[in-house]
N, C-alpha and C. Protein backbone atom coordinates (compact mmCIF):
# COMPACT_ATOMS: atom_id res chain seq x y z
N UNK A 1 -23.99 -13.19 25.81
CA UNK A 1 -23.84 -11.76 25.68
C UNK A 1 -22.52 -11.39 25.00
N UNK A 2 -21.44 -12.04 25.43
CA UNK A 2 -20.13 -11.74 24.84
C UNK A 2 -20.11 -12.18 23.38
N UNK A 3 -20.73 -13.31 23.08
CA UNK A 3 -20.80 -13.80 21.71
C UNK A 3 -21.55 -12.84 20.80
N UNK A 4 -22.62 -12.23 21.31
CA UNK A 4 -23.40 -11.27 20.53
C UNK A 4 -22.58 -10.01 20.23
N UNK A 5 -21.88 -9.53 21.24
CA UNK A 5 -21.04 -8.33 21.06
C UNK A 5 -19.92 -8.63 20.06
N UNK A 6 -19.33 -9.80 20.18
CA UNK A 6 -18.27 -10.18 19.25
C UNK A 6 -18.80 -10.27 17.82
N UNK A 7 -19.97 -10.85 17.65
CA UNK A 7 -20.56 -10.95 16.31
C UNK A 7 -20.85 -9.58 15.73
N UNK A 8 -21.38 -8.67 16.54
CA UNK A 8 -21.67 -7.32 16.06
C UNK A 8 -20.38 -6.60 15.66
N UNK A 9 -19.36 -6.73 16.49
CA UNK A 9 -18.08 -6.09 16.17
C UNK A 9 -17.44 -6.67 14.91
N UNK A 10 -17.56 -7.97 14.72
CA UNK A 10 -17.02 -8.59 13.51
C UNK A 10 -17.75 -8.11 12.27
N UNK A 11 -19.07 -7.96 12.36
CA UNK A 11 -19.84 -7.46 11.22
C UNK A 11 -19.45 -6.01 10.91
N UNK A 12 -19.34 -5.19 11.95
CA UNK A 12 -18.94 -3.80 11.74
C UNK A 12 -17.54 -3.71 11.14
N UNK A 13 -16.62 -4.50 11.65
CA UNK A 13 -15.26 -4.49 11.11
C UNK A 13 -15.24 -4.96 9.66
N UNK A 14 -16.06 -5.94 9.33
CA UNK A 14 -16.16 -6.42 7.95
C UNK A 14 -16.69 -5.32 7.03
N UNK A 15 -17.68 -4.59 7.49
CA UNK A 15 -18.22 -3.49 6.68
C UNK A 15 -17.19 -2.38 6.46
N UNK A 16 -16.45 -2.06 7.50
CA UNK A 16 -15.42 -1.02 7.38
C UNK A 16 -14.32 -1.47 6.43
N UNK A 17 -13.89 -2.72 6.55
CA UNK A 17 -12.86 -3.23 5.64
C UNK A 17 -13.37 -3.28 4.21
N UNK A 18 -14.63 -3.65 4.03
CA UNK A 18 -15.21 -3.66 2.69
C UNK A 18 -15.26 -2.27 2.08
N UNK A 19 -15.67 -1.28 2.87
CA UNK A 19 -15.70 0.10 2.37
C UNK A 19 -14.30 0.60 2.03
N UNK A 20 -13.33 0.26 2.86
CA UNK A 20 -11.95 0.66 2.58
C UNK A 20 -11.43 0.00 1.31
N UNK A 21 -11.82 -1.25 1.09
CA UNK A 21 -11.39 -1.95 -0.13
C UNK A 21 -12.00 -1.29 -1.37
N UNK A 22 -13.26 -0.89 -1.30
CA UNK A 22 -13.88 -0.21 -2.43
C UNK A 22 -13.20 1.12 -2.73
N UNK A 23 -12.86 1.87 -1.70
CA UNK A 23 -12.16 3.14 -1.90
C UNK A 23 -10.77 2.91 -2.50
N UNK A 24 -10.07 1.89 -2.02
CA UNK A 24 -8.73 1.60 -2.54
C UNK A 24 -8.80 1.15 -4.00
N UNK A 25 -9.79 0.34 -4.34
CA UNK A 25 -9.95 -0.10 -5.73
C UNK A 25 -10.26 1.11 -6.62
N UNK A 26 -11.07 2.03 -6.10
CA UNK A 26 -11.34 3.25 -6.85
C UNK A 26 -10.09 4.06 -7.09
N UNK A 27 -9.19 4.10 -6.12
CA UNK A 27 -7.93 4.84 -6.29
C UNK A 27 -7.02 4.14 -7.29
N UNK A 28 -7.03 2.81 -7.29
CA UNK A 28 -6.22 2.07 -8.27
C UNK A 28 -6.71 2.36 -9.68
N UNK A 29 -8.02 2.39 -9.85
CA UNK A 29 -8.60 2.62 -11.18
C UNK A 29 -8.41 4.08 -11.61
N UNK A 30 -8.69 5.03 -10.69
CA UNK A 30 -8.69 6.44 -11.05
C UNK A 30 -7.29 7.04 -11.15
N UNK A 31 -6.35 6.53 -10.39
CA UNK A 31 -5.00 7.09 -10.44
C UNK A 31 -4.89 8.36 -9.65
N UNK A 32 -4.47 9.46 -10.15
CA UNK A 32 -4.09 9.77 -11.52
C UNK A 32 -2.64 9.40 -11.86
N UNK A 33 -1.80 9.22 -10.86
CA UNK A 33 -0.40 8.91 -11.16
C UNK A 33 -0.09 7.46 -10.79
N UNK A 34 1.06 7.01 -11.24
CA UNK A 34 1.48 5.64 -10.92
C UNK A 34 1.73 5.49 -9.42
N UNK A 35 2.23 6.54 -8.80
CA UNK A 35 2.48 6.47 -7.36
C UNK A 35 1.18 6.27 -6.59
N UNK A 36 0.10 6.94 -7.02
CA UNK A 36 -1.21 6.74 -6.37
C UNK A 36 -1.66 5.30 -6.51
N UNK A 37 -1.45 4.72 -7.67
CA UNK A 37 -1.86 3.33 -7.89
C UNK A 37 -1.03 2.37 -7.05
N UNK A 38 0.26 2.65 -6.90
CA UNK A 38 1.13 1.79 -6.11
C UNK A 38 0.73 1.84 -4.64
N UNK A 39 0.49 3.04 -4.14
CA UNK A 39 0.09 3.19 -2.73
C UNK A 39 -1.26 2.51 -2.49
N UNK A 40 -2.19 2.66 -3.44
CA UNK A 40 -3.50 2.02 -3.29
C UNK A 40 -3.39 0.50 -3.32
N UNK A 41 -2.51 -0.03 -4.16
CA UNK A 41 -2.35 -1.49 -4.19
C UNK A 41 -1.69 -1.99 -2.90
N UNK A 42 -0.80 -1.20 -2.33
CA UNK A 42 -0.21 -1.56 -1.04
C UNK A 42 -1.28 -1.52 0.04
N UNK A 43 -2.18 -0.55 -0.05
CA UNK A 43 -3.30 -0.49 0.88
C UNK A 43 -4.21 -1.70 0.73
N UNK A 44 -4.41 -2.15 -0.50
CA UNK A 44 -5.23 -3.35 -0.71
C UNK A 44 -4.61 -4.58 -0.05
N UNK A 45 -3.29 -4.68 -0.09
CA UNK A 45 -2.63 -5.80 0.60
C UNK A 45 -2.90 -5.73 2.10
N UNK A 46 -2.84 -4.51 2.66
CA UNK A 46 -3.12 -4.35 4.09
C UNK A 46 -4.58 -4.67 4.40
N UNK A 47 -5.48 -4.30 3.51
CA UNK A 47 -6.90 -4.58 3.71
C UNK A 47 -7.16 -6.09 3.66
N UNK A 48 -6.54 -6.77 2.71
CA UNK A 48 -6.70 -8.22 2.62
C UNK A 48 -6.12 -8.88 3.88
N UNK A 49 -5.01 -8.35 4.37
CA UNK A 49 -4.43 -8.88 5.61
C UNK A 49 -5.42 -8.73 6.76
N UNK A 50 -6.05 -7.57 6.85
CA UNK A 50 -7.07 -7.37 7.89
C UNK A 50 -8.26 -8.29 7.71
N UNK A 51 -8.66 -8.51 6.46
CA UNK A 51 -9.77 -9.42 6.19
C UNK A 51 -9.44 -10.86 6.59
N UNK A 52 -8.22 -11.27 6.31
CA UNK A 52 -7.81 -12.62 6.72
C UNK A 52 -7.76 -12.72 8.24
N UNK A 53 -7.32 -11.66 8.89
CA UNK A 53 -7.30 -11.66 10.37
C UNK A 53 -8.72 -11.78 10.93
N UNK A 54 -9.65 -11.06 10.30
CA UNK A 54 -11.05 -11.19 10.74
C UNK A 54 -11.58 -12.60 10.51
N UNK A 55 -11.20 -13.18 9.38
CA UNK A 55 -11.63 -14.56 9.09
C UNK A 55 -11.09 -15.54 10.13
N UNK A 56 -9.83 -15.32 10.51
CA UNK A 56 -9.21 -16.20 11.52
C UNK A 56 -9.95 -16.06 12.85
N UNK A 57 -10.27 -14.83 13.23
CA UNK A 57 -10.99 -14.62 14.49
C UNK A 57 -12.38 -15.25 14.44
N UNK A 58 -13.05 -15.08 13.31
CA UNK A 58 -14.43 -15.57 13.19
C UNK A 58 -14.49 -17.09 13.10
N UNK A 59 -13.58 -17.68 12.35
CA UNK A 59 -13.65 -19.13 12.14
C UNK A 59 -12.86 -19.94 13.16
N UNK A 60 -11.90 -19.31 13.80
CA UNK A 60 -11.08 -20.04 14.77
C UNK A 60 -10.05 -20.94 14.13
N UNK A 61 -9.79 -20.76 12.84
CA UNK A 61 -8.79 -21.58 12.14
C UNK A 61 -7.42 -20.93 12.27
N UNK A 62 -6.72 -21.28 13.31
CA UNK A 62 -5.44 -20.64 13.59
C UNK A 62 -4.33 -21.10 12.65
N UNK A 63 -4.60 -22.11 11.86
CA UNK A 63 -3.62 -22.55 10.87
C UNK A 63 -3.43 -21.53 9.75
N UNK A 64 -4.37 -20.59 9.62
CA UNK A 64 -4.27 -19.56 8.58
C UNK A 64 -3.33 -18.42 8.98
N UNK A 65 -2.76 -18.49 10.16
CA UNK A 65 -1.83 -17.44 10.58
C UNK A 65 -0.61 -17.37 9.67
N UNK A 66 -0.25 -18.48 9.04
CA UNK A 66 0.86 -18.48 8.09
C UNK A 66 0.54 -17.58 6.90
N UNK A 67 -0.70 -17.64 6.43
CA UNK A 67 -1.12 -16.78 5.32
C UNK A 67 -1.04 -15.31 5.75
N UNK A 68 -1.43 -15.03 6.98
CA UNK A 68 -1.35 -13.67 7.51
C UNK A 68 0.09 -13.18 7.53
N UNK A 69 1.00 -14.04 7.93
CA UNK A 69 2.41 -13.70 7.96
C UNK A 69 2.95 -13.44 6.55
N UNK A 70 2.58 -14.28 5.60
CA UNK A 70 3.03 -14.09 4.22
C UNK A 70 2.49 -12.80 3.61
N UNK A 71 1.23 -12.48 3.90
CA UNK A 71 0.68 -11.21 3.41
C UNK A 71 1.39 -10.01 4.02
N UNK A 72 1.76 -10.11 5.27
CA UNK A 72 2.50 -9.03 5.92
C UNK A 72 3.86 -8.84 5.28
N UNK A 73 4.54 -9.94 4.96
CA UNK A 73 5.84 -9.85 4.29
C UNK A 73 5.68 -9.25 2.91
N UNK A 74 4.64 -9.65 2.19
CA UNK A 74 4.37 -9.09 0.87
C UNK A 74 4.13 -7.58 0.95
N UNK A 75 3.35 -7.14 1.92
CA UNK A 75 3.10 -5.72 2.09
C UNK A 75 4.36 -4.95 2.40
N UNK A 76 5.22 -5.50 3.24
CA UNK A 76 6.46 -4.82 3.58
C UNK A 76 7.38 -4.71 2.37
N UNK A 77 7.54 -5.80 1.63
CA UNK A 77 8.45 -5.74 0.48
C UNK A 77 7.90 -4.81 -0.60
N UNK A 78 6.59 -4.75 -0.74
CA UNK A 78 6.01 -3.81 -1.71
C UNK A 78 6.27 -2.37 -1.32
N UNK A 79 6.11 -2.05 -0.04
CA UNK A 79 6.35 -0.68 0.42
C UNK A 79 7.83 -0.33 0.32
N UNK A 80 8.70 -1.27 0.65
CA UNK A 80 10.14 -1.00 0.56
C UNK A 80 10.57 -0.82 -0.90
N UNK A 81 10.01 -1.59 -1.79
CA UNK A 81 10.33 -1.45 -3.21
C UNK A 81 9.85 -0.12 -3.75
N UNK A 82 8.67 0.29 -3.33
CA UNK A 82 8.13 1.58 -3.77
C UNK A 82 9.02 2.72 -3.28
N UNK A 83 9.46 2.66 -2.04
CA UNK A 83 10.32 3.71 -1.50
C UNK A 83 11.64 3.76 -2.26
N UNK A 84 12.18 2.62 -2.59
CA UNK A 84 13.43 2.59 -3.35
C UNK A 84 13.24 3.16 -4.76
N UNK A 85 12.14 2.80 -5.40
CA UNK A 85 11.85 3.31 -6.73
C UNK A 85 11.71 4.83 -6.72
N UNK A 86 10.96 5.35 -5.75
CA UNK A 86 10.77 6.80 -5.69
C UNK A 86 12.08 7.50 -5.35
N UNK A 87 12.89 6.91 -4.50
CA UNK A 87 14.20 7.49 -4.17
C UNK A 87 15.10 7.57 -5.39
N UNK A 88 15.10 6.52 -6.20
CA UNK A 88 15.90 6.53 -7.43
C UNK A 88 15.41 7.58 -8.41
N UNK A 89 14.10 7.74 -8.51
CA UNK A 89 13.55 8.76 -9.42
C UNK A 89 13.94 10.16 -8.98
N UNK A 90 13.89 10.43 -7.68
CA UNK A 90 14.26 11.75 -7.17
C UNK A 90 15.74 12.01 -7.43
N UNK A 91 16.58 10.99 -7.21
CA UNK A 91 18.01 11.17 -7.44
C UNK A 91 18.30 11.43 -8.91
N UNK A 92 17.64 10.71 -9.80
CA UNK A 92 17.85 10.94 -11.23
C UNK A 92 17.37 12.33 -11.65
N UNK A 93 16.27 12.79 -11.09
CA UNK A 93 15.76 14.12 -11.42
C UNK A 93 16.72 15.19 -10.95
N UNK A 94 17.28 15.03 -9.76
CA UNK A 94 18.26 16.01 -9.25
C UNK A 94 19.53 16.00 -10.09
N UNK A 95 19.98 14.83 -10.50
CA UNK A 95 21.17 14.74 -11.34
C UNK A 95 20.94 15.44 -12.67
N UNK A 96 19.75 15.24 -13.25
CA UNK A 96 19.42 15.88 -14.52
C UNK A 96 19.38 17.40 -14.37
N UNK A 97 18.81 17.90 -13.28
CA UNK A 97 18.77 19.34 -13.04
C UNK A 97 20.18 19.91 -12.88
N UNK A 98 21.04 19.19 -12.19
CA UNK A 98 22.41 19.66 -12.00
C UNK A 98 23.15 19.69 -13.33
N UNK A 99 22.96 18.68 -14.17
CA UNK A 99 23.60 18.67 -15.48
C UNK A 99 23.10 19.82 -16.35
N UNK A 100 21.82 20.10 -16.30
CA UNK A 100 21.26 21.22 -17.07
C UNK A 100 21.82 22.55 -16.58
N UNK A 101 21.97 22.70 -15.27
CA UNK A 101 22.54 23.93 -14.72
C UNK A 101 23.98 24.09 -15.16
N UNK A 102 24.74 23.00 -15.18
CA UNK A 102 26.14 23.08 -15.64
C UNK A 102 26.22 23.44 -17.11
N UNK A 103 25.33 22.89 -17.92
CA UNK A 103 25.32 23.23 -19.34
C UNK A 103 25.01 24.70 -19.55
N UNK A 104 24.10 25.25 -18.77
CA UNK A 104 23.77 26.67 -18.89
C UNK A 104 24.94 27.53 -18.48
N UNK A 105 25.66 27.13 -17.44
CA UNK A 105 26.85 27.88 -17.01
C UNK A 105 27.93 27.84 -18.08
N UNK A 106 28.13 26.69 -18.70
CA UNK A 106 29.15 26.60 -19.74
C UNK A 106 28.77 27.44 -20.96
N UNK A 107 27.49 27.47 -21.31
CA UNK A 107 27.04 28.27 -22.44
C UNK A 107 27.16 29.75 -22.16
N UNK A 108 26.92 30.17 -20.92
CA UNK A 108 27.02 31.58 -20.59
C UNK A 108 28.47 32.06 -20.53
N UNK A 109 29.41 31.16 -20.23
CA UNK A 109 30.82 31.50 -20.21
C UNK A 109 31.39 31.70 -21.59
N UNK A 110 30.80 31.07 -22.57
CA UNK A 110 31.33 31.15 -23.93
C UNK A 110 30.91 32.37 -24.58
């Protein structure tokens, strides 16, 4: 009985992860911005991590936990890099706006 319930839950989880992967791939393809594609690719790493976790549960191959750990590290570094990139872009945009405001003030004083 427990084996049957576990098998049903594994199939359902596999279907949900598959649907999520299709949606994430659609977001990578459709965009519309680079940030959307980056977030979707980070989501794909999380989905693959979940898929590997399901594989480990289903097959009982606990030696694959190292792969799970490496995928988690990859997902974290990707998210941290994205946050740093977006932070730098915001800072550069603010600096550019401040420089433009100063130029307008100097022109109006003359």
